Every structure is written in C-alpha cells, then in structure tokens.
Amino acid sequence: MGAVLYQLDTNGNKLIMNYVGTKLSKTQQKYHSNKYECLVIVWDLHKQRPHLKGSQFRLHTDIKCVT
C-alpha cells in the first residue's frame, strides 16, 4: 500500500512532500476492499502524522467505497 503527501502551490501545481509505502501482510491481503481502503487511510495518517499535526488537510482517495 502507498500514499503521497502533497500541497498545492499558488498556481495549483502539486508539490510532492512525502511518499510512503509498505508491503501487505498475508492477513491484510485477504481483506475486503472496504476494509483494505480504511486500513490504508489509517496507516497513512499514522505515517504522515509529523507532517500533518497542527494543520488542516484534505484526504483524497481514488476509491469510491470510502468517499
């Protein structure tokens, strides 16, 4: 699973701040897609916490089941 942290500059361009990724465990590979997507969100927020703490942010996902 993976995630990207970015911010938009004044022209609307994405400025990449951080990439994170990891391999799924055997158990996680068996998760239903809804549970998997929630896992990725929680995992990413934990990993990106130092960058996000004290800031307002928007979380975007490309999966319809969690939007």
Protein backbone atom coordinates (compact mmCIF):
# COMPACT_ATOMS: atom_id res chain seq x y z
CA MET A 1 0.00 0.00 0.00
CA GLY A 2 1.19 3.52 -0.60
CA ALA A 3 0.32 7.16 -0.25
CA VAL A 4 1.55 10.58 -1.34
CA LEU A 5 1.52 13.79 0.67
CA TYR A 6 1.46 16.92 -1.44
CA GLN A 7 0.42 20.54 -1.29
CA LEU A 8 -0.78 22.87 -3.99
CA ASP A 9 1.25 25.93 -4.87
CA THR A 10 -0.32 29.27 -5.82
CA ASN A 11 -0.67 28.11 -9.45
CA GLY A 12 -2.45 24.88 -8.48
CA ASN A 13 0.57 22.65 -9.14
CA LYS A 14 1.13 19.66 -6.85
CA LEU A 15 4.33 19.86 -4.80
CA ILE A 16 5.24 16.40 -3.50
CA MET A 17 6.24 16.48 0.16
CA ASN A 18 6.48 12.78 1.03
CA TYR A 19 5.90 9.29 -0.32
CA VAL A 20 5.21 6.31 1.97
CA GLY A 21 4.69 2.67 1.14
CA THR A 22 4.80 -0.81 2.61
CA LYS A 23 4.06 -4.41 1.75
CA LEU A 24 0.81 -6.04 2.88
CA SER A 25 0.91 -8.96 5.30
CA LYS A 26 -0.67 -12.29 4.29
CA THR A 27 -3.68 -11.48 6.50
CA GLN A 28 -4.09 -7.97 5.07
CA GLN A 29 -4.03 -9.37 1.53
CA LYS A 30 -7.27 -11.22 2.34
CA TYR A 31 -9.16 -8.09 3.46
CA HIS A 32 -12.33 -6.99 1.66
CA SER A 33 -11.72 -3.85 -0.43
CA ASN A 34 -13.63 -1.62 2.03
CA LYS A 35 -11.56 -2.79 4.98
CA TYR A 36 -8.36 -2.53 2.96
CA GLU A 37 -9.03 1.07 1.94
CA CYS A 38 -9.78 2.07 5.53
CA LEU A 39 -6.56 0.34 6.61
CA VAL A 40 -4.58 2.37 4.09
CA ILE A 41 -6.12 5.64 5.30
CA VAL A 42 -5.43 4.94 8.98
CA TRP A 43 -1.92 3.65 8.20
CA ASP A 44 -1.12 6.72 6.08
CA LEU A 45 -2.39 9.20 8.68
CA HIS A 46 -0.18 7.48 11.26
CA LYS A 47 2.88 7.60 8.96
CA GLN A 48 2.30 11.21 7.84
CA ARG A 49 1.40 12.47 11.33
CA PRO A 50 4.59 14.56 11.79
CA HIS A 51 3.77 16.46 8.59
CA LEU A 52 0.04 16.83 9.32
CA LYS A 53 -0.02 17.57 13.04
CA GLY A 54 -1.45 21.02 13.74
CA SER A 55 -2.51 21.59 10.13
CA GLN A 56 -5.77 21.40 8.28
CA PHE A 57 -5.71 18.96 5.39
CA ARG A 58 -7.93 17.19 2.89
CA LEU A 59 -7.78 13.48 2.32
CA HIS A 60 -8.33 12.32 -1.24
CA THR A 61 -8.80 8.74 -2.36
CA ASP A 62 -9.49 7.21 -5.75
CA ILE A 63 -11.74 4.50 -4.31
CA LYS A 64 -15.50 5.19 -4.43
CA CYS A 65 -16.37 2.90 -1.48
CA VAL A 66 -14.77 5.32 1.04
CA THR A 67 -15.63 8.69 -0.49
